[in-house]
N, C-alpha and C. Protein backbone atom coordinates (compact mmCIF):
# COMPACT_ATOMS: atom_id res chain seq x y z
N UNK A 1 53.10 92.07 111.13
CA UNK A 1 53.68 93.35 110.76
C UNK A 1 55.07 93.48 111.37
N UNK A 2 55.95 94.16 110.63
CA UNK A 2 57.27 94.48 111.13
C UNK A 2 57.34 95.98 111.37
N UNK A 3 58.20 96.35 112.26
CA UNK A 3 58.36 97.76 112.58
C UNK A 3 59.55 98.33 111.81
N UNK A 4 59.33 99.42 111.10
CA UNK A 4 60.40 100.13 110.40
C UNK A 4 60.53 101.48 111.07
N UNK A 5 61.63 101.68 111.75
CA UNK A 5 61.86 102.93 112.46
C UNK A 5 60.67 103.19 113.39
N UNK A 6 59.85 104.18 113.07
CA UNK A 6 58.70 104.50 113.91
C UNK A 6 57.38 104.15 113.24
N UNK A 7 57.41 103.43 112.13
CA UNK A 7 56.22 103.16 111.37
C UNK A 7 55.99 101.66 111.22
N UNK A 8 54.75 101.27 111.12
CA UNK A 8 54.39 99.86 110.94
C UNK A 8 54.09 99.60 109.48
N UNK A 9 54.39 98.37 109.04
CA UNK A 9 54.14 98.01 107.65
C UNK A 9 53.65 96.56 107.61
N UNK A 10 52.71 96.28 106.72
CA UNK A 10 52.22 94.92 106.57
C UNK A 10 53.32 94.03 106.00
N UNK A 11 53.32 92.77 106.39
CA UNK A 11 54.37 91.84 105.97
C UNK A 11 54.48 91.78 104.44
N UNK A 12 53.34 91.74 103.75
CA UNK A 12 53.35 91.70 102.29
C UNK A 12 53.97 92.94 101.67
N UNK A 13 53.75 94.08 102.31
CA UNK A 13 54.33 95.33 101.81
C UNK A 13 55.82 95.42 102.14
N UNK A 14 56.24 94.69 103.17
CA UNK A 14 57.64 94.72 103.59
C UNK A 14 58.55 94.19 102.48
N UNK A 15 58.12 93.14 101.79
CA UNK A 15 58.92 92.58 100.71
C UNK A 15 59.11 93.60 99.60
N UNK A 16 58.04 94.31 99.25
CA UNK A 16 58.14 95.35 98.22
C UNK A 16 59.03 96.49 98.69
N UNK A 17 58.91 96.87 99.95
CA UNK A 17 59.74 97.95 100.49
C UNK A 17 61.22 97.56 100.43
N UNK A 18 61.53 96.32 100.81
CA UNK A 18 62.92 95.86 100.77
C UNK A 18 63.46 95.85 99.34
N UNK A 19 62.63 95.46 98.39
CA UNK A 19 63.02 95.46 96.99
C UNK A 19 63.31 96.89 96.52
N UNK A 20 62.46 97.82 96.89
CA UNK A 20 62.66 99.21 96.52
C UNK A 20 63.96 99.76 97.11
N UNK A 21 64.29 99.33 98.31
CA UNK A 21 65.52 99.80 98.95
C UNK A 21 66.76 99.32 98.22
N UNK A 22 66.65 98.18 97.54
CA UNK A 22 67.79 97.62 96.81
C UNK A 22 67.95 98.25 95.43
N UNK A 23 66.88 98.84 94.90
CA UNK A 23 66.95 99.45 93.58
C UNK A 23 67.82 100.69 93.63
N UNK A 24 68.30 101.08 92.44
CA UNK A 24 69.12 102.29 92.38
C UNK A 24 68.27 103.49 92.80
N UNK A 25 68.84 104.29 93.65
CA UNK A 25 68.16 105.47 94.16
C UNK A 25 68.62 106.68 93.36
N UNK A 26 67.66 107.52 92.99
CA UNK A 26 68.03 108.75 92.30
C UNK A 26 67.31 109.92 92.95
N UNK A 27 67.91 111.09 92.89
CA UNK A 27 67.27 112.28 93.46
C UNK A 27 66.03 112.67 92.66
N UNK A 28 65.07 113.24 93.34
CA UNK A 28 63.86 113.73 92.71
C UNK A 28 63.73 115.21 93.06
N UNK A 29 63.50 116.04 92.06
CA UNK A 29 63.33 117.47 92.29
C UNK A 29 61.83 117.77 92.25
N UNK A 30 61.27 118.02 93.41
CA UNK A 30 59.83 118.29 93.51
C UNK A 30 59.55 119.78 93.38
N UNK A 31 58.45 120.14 92.72
CA UNK A 31 58.09 121.56 92.57
C UNK A 31 57.56 122.14 93.87
N UNK A 32 57.44 123.46 93.89
CA UNK A 32 56.88 124.10 95.08
C UNK A 32 55.43 123.64 95.27
N UNK A 33 55.02 123.59 96.50
CA UNK A 33 53.66 123.16 96.88
C UNK A 33 53.34 121.74 96.39
N UNK A 34 54.34 120.88 96.28
CA UNK A 34 54.11 119.51 95.84
C UNK A 34 53.18 118.81 96.83
N UNK A 35 52.26 117.96 96.34
CA UNK A 35 51.32 117.27 97.23
C UNK A 35 51.99 116.42 98.31
N UNK A 36 53.17 115.88 98.04
CA UNK A 36 53.86 115.12 99.09
C UNK A 36 54.15 116.01 100.29
N UNK A 37 54.65 117.19 100.01
CA UNK A 37 55.01 118.12 101.08
C UNK A 37 53.76 118.68 101.74
N UNK A 38 52.77 119.03 100.94
CA UNK A 38 51.58 119.70 101.46
C UNK A 38 50.56 118.73 102.06
N UNK A 39 50.58 117.47 101.61
CA UNK A 39 49.51 116.56 101.96
C UNK A 39 49.64 115.81 103.28
N UNK A 40 50.71 116.04 104.01
CA UNK A 40 50.91 115.32 105.26
C UNK A 40 50.96 116.30 106.42
N UNK A 41 50.14 116.06 107.43
CA UNK A 41 50.19 116.91 108.61
C UNK A 41 51.50 116.68 109.36
N UNK A 42 51.87 115.39 109.54
CA UNK A 42 53.12 115.04 110.21
C UNK A 42 54.20 114.88 109.15
N UNK A 43 55.07 115.86 109.04
CA UNK A 43 56.10 115.86 108.01
C UNK A 43 57.42 115.26 108.49
N UNK A 44 57.45 114.80 109.73
CA UNK A 44 58.69 114.25 110.29
C UNK A 44 59.13 112.97 109.58
N UNK A 45 58.23 112.35 108.86
CA UNK A 45 58.55 111.13 108.13
C UNK A 45 59.55 111.38 107.00
N UNK A 46 59.53 112.60 106.43
CA UNK A 46 60.41 112.90 105.30
C UNK A 46 61.17 114.22 105.43
N UNK A 47 60.91 114.98 106.51
CA UNK A 47 61.56 116.28 106.68
C UNK A 47 61.96 116.46 108.14
N UNK A 48 63.26 116.61 108.37
CA UNK A 48 63.74 116.86 109.73
C UNK A 48 63.25 118.23 110.18
N UNK A 49 62.85 118.31 111.43
CA UNK A 49 62.28 119.54 111.97
C UNK A 49 63.24 120.73 111.86
N UNK A 50 64.54 120.47 111.98
CA UNK A 50 65.51 121.57 111.92
C UNK A 50 65.58 122.23 110.53
N UNK A 51 65.06 121.55 109.50
CA UNK A 51 65.05 122.11 108.15
C UNK A 51 63.68 122.67 107.74
N UNK A 52 62.73 122.56 108.61
CA UNK A 52 61.36 122.97 108.30
C UNK A 52 61.27 124.42 107.80
N UNK A 53 61.99 125.33 108.44
CA UNK A 53 61.91 126.75 108.05
C UNK A 53 62.61 127.02 106.72
N UNK A 54 63.41 126.07 106.24
CA UNK A 54 64.06 126.24 104.94
C UNK A 54 63.16 125.74 103.81
N UNK A 55 62.13 125.00 104.16
CA UNK A 55 61.16 124.51 103.18
C UNK A 55 59.88 125.33 103.24
N UNK A 56 59.38 125.58 104.44
CA UNK A 56 58.17 126.39 104.63
C UNK A 56 58.61 127.81 104.95
N UNK A 57 58.53 128.66 103.95
CA UNK A 57 59.08 130.00 104.00
C UNK A 57 58.05 131.02 104.47
N UNK A 58 58.51 132.24 104.78
CA UNK A 58 57.57 133.30 105.17
C UNK A 58 56.54 133.57 104.07
N UNK A 59 55.45 134.16 104.46
CA UNK A 59 54.36 134.53 103.54
C UNK A 59 53.74 133.32 102.86
N UNK A 60 53.72 132.19 103.55
CA UNK A 60 53.07 130.96 103.09
C UNK A 60 53.68 130.38 101.82
N UNK A 61 54.93 130.68 101.56
CA UNK A 61 55.63 130.09 100.43
C UNK A 61 56.18 128.73 100.83
N UNK A 62 56.26 127.83 99.86
CA UNK A 62 56.83 126.51 100.08
C UNK A 62 57.89 126.28 99.01
N UNK A 63 59.10 125.95 99.45
CA UNK A 63 60.22 125.80 98.52
C UNK A 63 60.09 124.54 97.67
N UNK A 64 60.78 124.56 96.55
CA UNK A 64 60.95 123.38 95.71
C UNK A 64 62.03 122.55 96.40
N UNK A 65 61.80 121.24 96.53
CA UNK A 65 62.71 120.45 97.36
C UNK A 65 63.43 119.35 96.58
N UNK A 66 64.58 118.97 97.12
CA UNK A 66 65.36 117.83 96.64
C UNK A 66 65.02 116.66 97.55
N UNK A 67 64.50 115.60 96.95
CA UNK A 67 64.08 114.41 97.70
C UNK A 67 65.00 113.26 97.33
N UNK A 68 65.64 112.66 98.33
CA UNK A 68 66.51 111.51 98.11
C UNK A 68 66.17 110.46 99.14
N UNK A 69 65.83 109.27 98.67
CA UNK A 69 65.43 108.16 99.53
C UNK A 69 64.33 108.60 100.50
N UNK A 70 63.28 109.18 99.96
CA UNK A 70 62.11 109.60 100.71
C UNK A 70 62.41 110.64 101.79
N UNK A 71 63.51 111.39 101.65
CA UNK A 71 63.87 112.40 102.64
C UNK A 71 64.21 113.70 101.93
N UNK A 72 63.69 114.81 102.44
CA UNK A 72 64.00 116.13 101.90
C UNK A 72 65.41 116.49 102.38
N UNK A 73 66.33 116.66 101.41
CA UNK A 73 67.72 116.96 101.76
C UNK A 73 68.19 118.31 101.23
N UNK A 74 67.27 119.09 100.67
CA UNK A 74 67.66 120.40 100.17
C UNK A 74 66.53 121.06 99.42
N UNK A 75 66.82 122.25 98.92
CA UNK A 75 65.87 122.99 98.10
C UNK A 75 66.56 123.35 96.79
N UNK A 76 65.74 123.71 95.82
CA UNK A 76 66.28 124.11 94.53
C UNK A 76 65.46 125.25 93.96
N UNK A 77 66.08 125.95 93.00
CA UNK A 77 65.40 127.04 92.33
C UNK A 77 66.00 127.19 90.93
N UNK A 78 65.16 127.57 90.00
CA UNK A 78 65.61 127.84 88.64
C UNK A 78 65.12 129.23 88.27
N UNK A 79 66.05 130.10 87.94
CA UNK A 79 65.71 131.46 87.55
C UNK A 79 65.71 131.55 86.02
N UNK A 80 64.52 131.72 85.45
CA UNK A 80 64.36 131.70 84.00
C UNK A 80 65.17 132.80 83.32
N UNK A 81 65.16 134.02 83.88
CA UNK A 81 65.86 135.13 83.24
C UNK A 81 67.36 134.89 83.14
N UNK A 82 67.95 134.22 84.11
CA UNK A 82 69.39 133.94 84.09
C UNK A 82 69.72 132.54 83.59
N UNK A 83 68.68 131.73 83.42
CA UNK A 83 68.86 130.31 83.11
C UNK A 83 69.81 129.67 84.12
N UNK A 84 69.59 130.03 85.37
CA UNK A 84 70.48 129.57 86.44
C UNK A 84 69.74 128.63 87.38
N UNK A 85 70.34 127.50 87.63
CA UNK A 85 69.80 126.48 88.53
C UNK A 85 70.59 126.54 89.82
N UNK A 86 69.90 126.64 90.95
CA UNK A 86 70.59 126.73 92.24
C UNK A 86 70.08 125.64 93.17
N UNK A 87 71.01 124.89 93.75
CA UNK A 87 70.69 123.83 94.71
C UNK A 87 71.24 124.25 96.06
N UNK A 88 70.42 124.16 97.10
CA UNK A 88 70.84 124.42 98.48
C UNK A 88 70.64 123.14 99.27
N UNK A 89 71.72 122.39 99.47
CA UNK A 89 71.62 121.14 100.22
C UNK A 89 71.72 121.38 101.71
N UNK A 90 71.01 120.58 102.48
CA UNK A 90 71.05 120.67 103.93
C UNK A 90 72.22 119.89 104.49
N UNK A 91 72.73 118.95 103.72
CA UNK A 91 73.81 118.08 104.17
C UNK A 91 74.66 117.71 102.95
N UNK A 92 75.88 117.30 103.20
CA UNK A 92 76.76 116.91 102.10
C UNK A 92 76.35 115.52 101.59
N UNK A 93 76.33 115.37 100.27
CA UNK A 93 75.96 114.10 99.67
C UNK A 93 77.22 113.28 99.36
N UNK A 94 77.04 111.96 99.32
CA UNK A 94 78.12 111.10 98.86
C UNK A 94 78.39 111.41 97.40
N UNK A 95 79.60 111.12 96.95
CA UNK A 95 80.03 111.49 95.60
C UNK A 95 79.10 110.92 94.52
N UNK A 96 78.71 109.65 94.66
CA UNK A 96 77.85 109.06 93.63
C UNK A 96 76.48 109.71 93.60
N UNK A 97 75.94 110.06 94.76
CA UNK A 97 74.63 110.70 94.81
C UNK A 97 74.72 112.14 94.30
N UNK A 98 75.82 112.81 94.58
CA UNK A 98 76.02 114.17 94.05
C UNK A 98 76.05 114.13 92.52
N UNK A 99 76.68 113.10 91.97
CA UNK A 99 76.71 112.94 90.51
C UNK A 99 75.32 112.70 89.94
N UNK A 100 74.53 111.89 90.62
CA UNK A 100 73.15 111.62 90.18
C UNK A 100 72.31 112.89 90.25
N UNK A 101 72.53 113.69 91.30
CA UNK A 101 71.79 114.95 91.43
C UNK A 101 72.18 115.89 90.29
N UNK A 102 73.45 115.95 89.96
CA UNK A 102 73.90 116.80 88.86
C UNK A 102 73.25 116.38 87.55
N UNK A 103 73.15 115.09 87.30
CA UNK A 103 72.49 114.60 86.08
C UNK A 103 71.01 114.99 86.06
N UNK A 104 70.35 114.93 87.21
CA UNK A 104 68.93 115.31 87.28
C UNK A 104 68.78 116.80 87.04
N UNK A 105 69.70 117.60 87.58
CA UNK A 105 69.68 119.05 87.36
C UNK A 105 69.86 119.35 85.87
N UNK A 106 70.79 118.66 85.23
CA UNK A 106 71.02 118.86 83.80
C UNK A 106 69.79 118.48 82.99
N UNK A 107 69.15 117.37 83.35
CA UNK A 107 67.95 116.92 82.65
C UNK A 107 66.83 117.95 82.77
N UNK A 108 66.61 118.45 83.99
CA UNK A 108 65.55 119.43 84.20
C UNK A 108 65.89 120.77 83.56
N UNK A 109 67.14 121.16 83.60
CA UNK A 109 67.57 122.41 82.94
C UNK A 109 67.29 122.34 81.45
N UNK A 110 67.62 121.22 80.84
CA UNK A 110 67.37 121.04 79.40
C UNK A 110 65.88 121.18 79.11
N UNK A 111 65.05 120.56 79.94
CA UNK A 111 63.61 120.65 79.75
C UNK A 111 63.13 122.09 79.90
N UNK A 112 63.58 122.77 80.94
CA UNK A 112 63.12 124.15 81.19
C UNK A 112 63.59 125.12 80.10
N UNK A 113 64.75 124.87 79.54
CA UNK A 113 65.27 125.76 78.51
C UNK A 113 64.67 125.48 77.13
N UNK A 114 64.03 124.34 76.98
CA UNK A 114 63.42 124.01 75.69
C UNK A 114 62.04 124.62 75.54
N UNK A 115 61.56 125.28 76.56
CA UNK A 115 60.21 125.85 76.53
C UNK A 115 60.19 127.19 75.84
């Protein structure tokens, strides 16, 4: 086994992990209460503790999140009445990733407006 950051991985899985790291990365917009966010007791693997209160909101609400390279980097919301998409990033993205996020927002907006 090799050590990746704070986690262990089997040697056979390491090759697949390295291949995935080389593939083009695109942002993923996860819905509120997504199983990835809800299903892990230790969320430090994909969510920095300083952003926890921006994802886990008062009154047991859980925000819709922007996931990039297995890390929560922001939240998003779509208001149906205004047809307005809002992204709240926790950090500034590189230009190419910001462009990919914009394309994903456009794709999801088109889907939501076609309903």
